[in-house]
Each structure stands twice: as structure tokens, then as C-alpha cells.
């Protein structure tokens, strides 16, 4: 069961290998959550002014990765609606 508290707890996930913290928590949330829960997580993530475009060591953002996945379209739409992948104005 994905309660609001459980979804919010992913804001505490930290990497252990030097990966960017924002990338790590967003990627872990994507890997773990259904789209509706991920959408709620992204709202908390943005509320904390975290970086939706943070990248891994290869320079890929979570949006870049999600776009390559067969079932990633709904997740990509959530990230895009929250502002991921948009060039700064």
C-alpha cells in the first residue's frame, strides 16, 4: 500500500556510490512506484525544489531513461508535466 507517508519517504533515499542525490531518489521512485504514486512523489519532489533534470554518471536524466522503456510513456508524461526536460528560460 502506497500511503502518502510512504511515497514521501522516498525523499529520504540517498545514493551510496556518489550518484547525484536527486537523480537517485527520482530514479528509485520511478522503479518502485505505480504511475499514480509516482505522480504524487514528483509533486513532493518539485515542492522541495529538487532537480527533475539531474543526471546519472553517464549524463542521462530519469526522463531520458524512462523514454526508452516500453511502459515508460505515462511516467515520461508525469515528468514532462512537472517541467522535466524543459530548457531554462
N, C-alpha and C. Protein backbone atom coordinates (compact mmCIF):
# COMPACT_ATOMS: atom_id res chain seq x y z
N UNK A 1 0.85 -1.18 0.00
CA UNK A 1 0.00 0.00 0.00
C UNK A 1 0.89 1.24 0.00
N UNK A 2 0.62 2.14 -0.93
CA UNK A 2 1.40 3.36 -1.05
C UNK A 2 0.66 4.51 -0.38
N UNK A 3 0.90 4.68 0.89
CA UNK A 3 0.32 5.81 1.60
C UNK A 3 1.11 7.07 1.23
N UNK A 4 0.55 8.22 1.52
CA UNK A 4 1.27 9.47 1.27
C UNK A 4 2.60 9.48 2.02
N UNK A 5 2.59 8.98 3.23
CA UNK A 5 3.82 8.95 4.04
C UNK A 5 4.88 8.06 3.38
N UNK A 6 4.46 6.93 2.86
CA UNK A 6 5.42 6.03 2.21
C UNK A 6 5.98 6.66 0.94
N UNK A 7 5.13 7.30 0.17
CA UNK A 7 5.58 7.98 -1.05
C UNK A 7 6.58 9.08 -0.67
N UNK A 8 6.23 9.86 0.32
CA UNK A 8 7.10 10.96 0.76
C UNK A 8 8.44 10.44 1.29
N UNK A 9 8.45 9.23 1.84
CA UNK A 9 9.69 8.68 2.41
C UNK A 9 10.78 8.52 1.35
N UNK A 10 10.41 8.45 0.08
CA UNK A 10 11.42 8.34 -0.96
C UNK A 10 12.25 9.62 -1.09
N UNK A 11 11.80 10.70 -0.50
CA UNK A 11 12.61 11.93 -0.48
C UNK A 11 13.83 11.77 0.43
N UNK A 12 13.87 10.70 1.20
CA UNK A 12 14.99 10.44 2.11
C UNK A 12 15.99 9.44 1.52
N UNK A 13 15.68 8.86 0.37
CA UNK A 13 16.57 7.88 -0.25
C UNK A 13 17.86 8.57 -0.67
N UNK A 14 18.98 7.97 -0.30
CA UNK A 14 20.29 8.55 -0.63
C UNK A 14 21.15 7.52 -1.35
N UNK A 15 21.96 7.98 -2.30
CA UNK A 15 22.86 7.06 -3.01
C UNK A 15 24.05 6.68 -2.13
N UNK A 16 24.65 5.57 -2.46
CA UNK A 16 25.83 5.12 -1.72
C UNK A 16 27.06 5.04 -2.63
N UNK A 17 26.91 5.57 -3.85
CA UNK A 17 28.00 5.43 -4.82
C UNK A 17 28.41 6.75 -5.48
N UNK A 18 28.01 7.86 -4.90
CA UNK A 18 28.38 9.15 -5.46
C UNK A 18 27.46 9.66 -6.55
N UNK A 19 26.41 8.92 -6.87
CA UNK A 19 25.42 9.36 -7.85
C UNK A 19 24.71 10.60 -7.32
N UNK A 20 24.33 11.50 -8.20
CA UNK A 20 23.58 12.69 -7.81
C UNK A 20 22.35 12.26 -6.99
N UNK A 21 22.16 12.87 -5.83
CA UNK A 21 21.07 12.50 -4.93
C UNK A 21 19.69 12.68 -5.53
N UNK A 22 19.49 13.77 -6.26
CA UNK A 22 18.17 14.00 -6.88
C UNK A 22 17.88 12.95 -7.95
N UNK A 23 18.90 12.64 -8.77
CA UNK A 23 18.71 11.60 -9.78
C UNK A 23 18.37 10.29 -9.10
N UNK A 24 19.13 9.93 -8.08
CA UNK A 24 18.96 8.65 -7.40
C UNK A 24 17.55 8.49 -6.83
N UNK A 25 17.08 9.49 -6.09
CA UNK A 25 15.77 9.33 -5.47
C UNK A 25 14.65 9.31 -6.50
N UNK A 26 14.77 10.12 -7.55
CA UNK A 26 13.75 10.12 -8.61
C UNK A 26 13.75 8.79 -9.36
N UNK A 27 14.93 8.27 -9.64
CA UNK A 27 15.03 7.00 -10.35
C UNK A 27 14.49 5.85 -9.49
N UNK A 28 14.81 5.84 -8.21
CA UNK A 28 14.30 4.79 -7.32
C UNK A 28 12.78 4.86 -7.22
N UNK A 29 12.25 6.07 -7.16
CA UNK A 29 10.79 6.22 -7.12
C UNK A 29 10.17 5.68 -8.41
N UNK A 30 10.75 6.02 -9.54
CA UNK A 30 10.25 5.50 -10.82
C UNK A 30 10.26 3.97 -10.84
N UNK A 31 11.35 3.38 -10.38
CA UNK A 31 11.48 1.92 -10.39
C UNK A 31 10.49 1.24 -9.45
N UNK A 32 10.07 1.94 -8.41
CA UNK A 32 9.29 1.32 -7.34
C UNK A 32 7.80 1.58 -7.38
N UNK A 33 7.39 2.66 -8.02
CA UNK A 33 6.01 3.13 -7.88
C UNK A 33 5.16 2.95 -9.13
N UNK A 34 3.87 2.82 -8.88
CA UNK A 34 2.88 2.87 -9.96
C UNK A 34 2.79 4.33 -10.43
N UNK A 35 2.28 4.57 -11.63
CA UNK A 35 2.21 5.95 -12.13
C UNK A 35 1.51 6.93 -11.18
N UNK A 36 0.40 6.54 -10.58
CA UNK A 36 -0.31 7.48 -9.70
C UNK A 36 0.51 7.84 -8.47
N UNK A 37 1.23 6.86 -7.94
CA UNK A 37 2.09 7.13 -6.78
C UNK A 37 3.30 7.96 -7.20
N UNK A 38 3.84 7.66 -8.37
CA UNK A 38 4.98 8.42 -8.89
C UNK A 38 4.59 9.88 -9.12
N UNK A 39 3.39 10.10 -9.60
CA UNK A 39 2.92 11.48 -9.81
C UNK A 39 2.86 12.23 -8.49
N UNK A 40 2.38 11.57 -7.45
CA UNK A 40 2.36 12.19 -6.13
C UNK A 40 3.78 12.47 -5.65
N UNK A 41 4.67 11.50 -5.83
CA UNK A 41 6.07 11.69 -5.44
C UNK A 41 6.67 12.89 -6.17
N UNK A 42 6.45 12.98 -7.46
CA UNK A 42 7.01 14.09 -8.25
C UNK A 42 6.51 15.43 -7.71
N UNK A 43 5.26 15.49 -7.28
CA UNK A 43 4.74 16.75 -6.72
C UNK A 43 5.50 17.11 -5.44
N UNK A 44 5.80 16.13 -4.60
CA UNK A 44 6.60 16.38 -3.39
C UNK A 44 8.02 16.78 -3.75
N UNK A 45 8.58 16.11 -4.74
CA UNK A 45 9.94 16.36 -5.20
C UNK A 45 10.08 17.80 -5.69
N UNK A 46 9.14 18.24 -6.50
CA UNK A 46 9.15 19.60 -7.04
C UNK A 46 8.91 20.61 -5.91
N UNK A 47 8.01 20.27 -5.00
CA UNK A 47 7.72 21.15 -3.86
C UNK A 47 8.99 21.45 -3.06
N UNK A 48 9.90 20.48 -3.00
CA UNK A 48 11.17 20.66 -2.29
C UNK A 48 12.24 21.27 -3.17
N UNK A 49 11.85 21.70 -4.36
CA UNK A 49 12.74 22.36 -5.32
C UNK A 49 13.93 21.50 -5.70
N UNK A 50 13.66 20.24 -5.88
CA UNK A 50 14.70 19.30 -6.32
C UNK A 50 14.80 19.35 -7.84
N UNK A 51 15.87 18.82 -8.38
CA UNK A 51 16.18 18.92 -9.80
C UNK A 51 15.62 17.74 -10.59
N UNK A 52 14.58 17.98 -11.35
CA UNK A 52 13.98 16.95 -12.20
C UNK A 52 14.91 16.51 -13.32
N UNK A 53 15.88 17.35 -13.66
CA UNK A 53 16.79 17.05 -14.76
C UNK A 53 18.16 16.58 -14.29
N UNK A 54 18.28 16.22 -13.02
CA UNK A 54 19.54 15.69 -12.51
C UNK A 54 19.92 14.46 -13.33
N UNK A 55 21.21 14.23 -13.48
CA UNK A 55 21.68 13.13 -14.33
C UNK A 55 22.53 12.12 -13.56
N UNK A 56 22.62 10.94 -14.16
CA UNK A 56 23.50 9.91 -13.61
C UNK A 56 24.91 10.16 -14.12
N UNK A 57 25.81 9.27 -13.84
CA UNK A 57 27.22 9.44 -14.24
C UNK A 57 27.42 9.42 -15.75
N UNK A 58 26.45 8.90 -16.47
CA UNK A 58 26.53 8.85 -17.93
C UNK A 58 25.87 10.06 -18.59
N UNK A 59 25.32 10.95 -17.77
CA UNK A 59 24.69 12.15 -18.30
C UNK A 59 23.23 11.98 -18.68
N UNK A 60 22.63 10.87 -18.28
CA UNK A 60 21.22 10.63 -18.59
C UNK A 60 20.33 11.06 -17.43
N UNK A 61 19.25 11.73 -17.74
CA UNK A 61 18.25 12.09 -16.73
C UNK A 61 17.27 10.94 -16.59
N UNK A 62 16.45 10.97 -15.57
CA UNK A 62 15.41 9.95 -15.41
C UNK A 62 14.46 10.01 -16.61
N UNK A 63 14.14 11.21 -17.08
CA UNK A 63 13.27 11.33 -18.25
C UNK A 63 13.91 10.65 -19.46
N UNK A 64 15.21 10.83 -19.68
CA UNK A 64 15.89 10.16 -20.79
C UNK A 64 15.72 8.65 -20.69
N UNK A 65 15.89 8.12 -19.49
CA UNK A 65 15.81 6.67 -19.26
C UNK A 65 14.38 6.18 -19.46
N UNK A 66 13.43 6.89 -18.87
CA UNK A 66 12.02 6.48 -18.94
C UNK A 66 11.54 6.45 -20.38
N UNK A 67 11.99 7.38 -21.18
CA UNK A 67 11.57 7.44 -22.59
C UNK A 67 12.00 6.21 -23.37
N UNK A 68 12.99 5.48 -22.91
CA UNK A 68 13.45 4.30 -23.62
C UNK A 68 12.72 3.03 -23.19
N UNK A 69 11.92 3.11 -22.15
CA UNK A 69 11.23 1.94 -21.62
C UNK A 69 9.86 1.75 -22.28
N UNK A 70 9.55 0.52 -22.56
CA UNK A 70 8.31 0.18 -23.25
C UNK A 70 7.08 0.71 -22.52
N UNK A 71 7.08 0.65 -21.20
CA UNK A 71 5.93 1.11 -20.42
C UNK A 71 6.20 2.45 -19.74
N UNK A 72 7.12 3.22 -20.29
CA UNK A 72 7.52 4.47 -19.65
C UNK A 72 6.73 5.70 -20.05
N UNK A 73 5.85 5.60 -21.02
CA UNK A 73 5.18 6.79 -21.55
C UNK A 73 4.42 7.57 -20.49
N UNK A 74 3.69 6.87 -19.63
CA UNK A 74 2.91 7.56 -18.59
C UNK A 74 3.84 8.27 -17.60
N UNK A 75 4.94 7.62 -17.26
CA UNK A 75 5.92 8.23 -16.35
C UNK A 75 6.59 9.44 -17.00
N UNK A 76 6.91 9.31 -18.29
CA UNK A 76 7.51 10.43 -19.01
C UNK A 76 6.55 11.62 -19.03
N UNK A 77 5.28 11.36 -19.26
CA UNK A 77 4.29 12.44 -19.28
C UNK A 77 4.20 13.13 -17.92
N UNK A 78 4.31 12.37 -16.85
CA UNK A 78 4.28 12.95 -15.50
C UNK A 78 5.49 13.87 -15.31
N UNK A 79 6.66 13.38 -15.69
CA UNK A 79 7.87 14.18 -15.54
C UNK A 79 7.80 15.45 -16.40
N UNK A 80 7.35 15.31 -17.63
CA UNK A 80 7.24 16.46 -18.53
C UNK A 80 6.24 17.48 -18.00
N UNK A 81 5.12 17.01 -17.50
CA UNK A 81 4.11 17.93 -16.94
C UNK A 81 4.66 18.70 -15.74
N UNK A 82 5.61 18.10 -15.03
CA UNK A 82 6.21 18.76 -13.88
C UNK A 82 7.35 19.68 -14.27
N UNK A 83 7.75 19.65 -15.56
CA UNK A 83 8.78 20.56 -16.04
C UNK A 83 10.09 19.90 -16.42
N UNK A 84 10.20 18.60 -16.36
CA UNK A 84 11.45 17.92 -16.74
C UNK A 84 11.68 18.07 -18.23
N UNK A 85 12.95 18.21 -18.58
CA UNK A 85 13.32 18.27 -19.98
C UNK A 85 13.11 19.60 -20.65
N UNK A 86 12.71 20.59 -19.88
CA UNK A 86 12.49 21.92 -20.45
C UNK A 86 13.72 22.77 -20.22
N UNK A 87 14.18 23.39 -21.27
CA UNK A 87 15.33 24.27 -21.15
C UNK A 87 14.99 25.44 -20.25
N UNK A 88 15.93 25.87 -19.42
CA UNK A 88 15.66 27.03 -18.55
C UNK A 88 15.37 28.28 -19.38
N UNK A 89 14.48 29.12 -18.87
CA UNK A 89 14.13 30.33 -19.64
C UNK A 89 15.04 31.47 -19.32
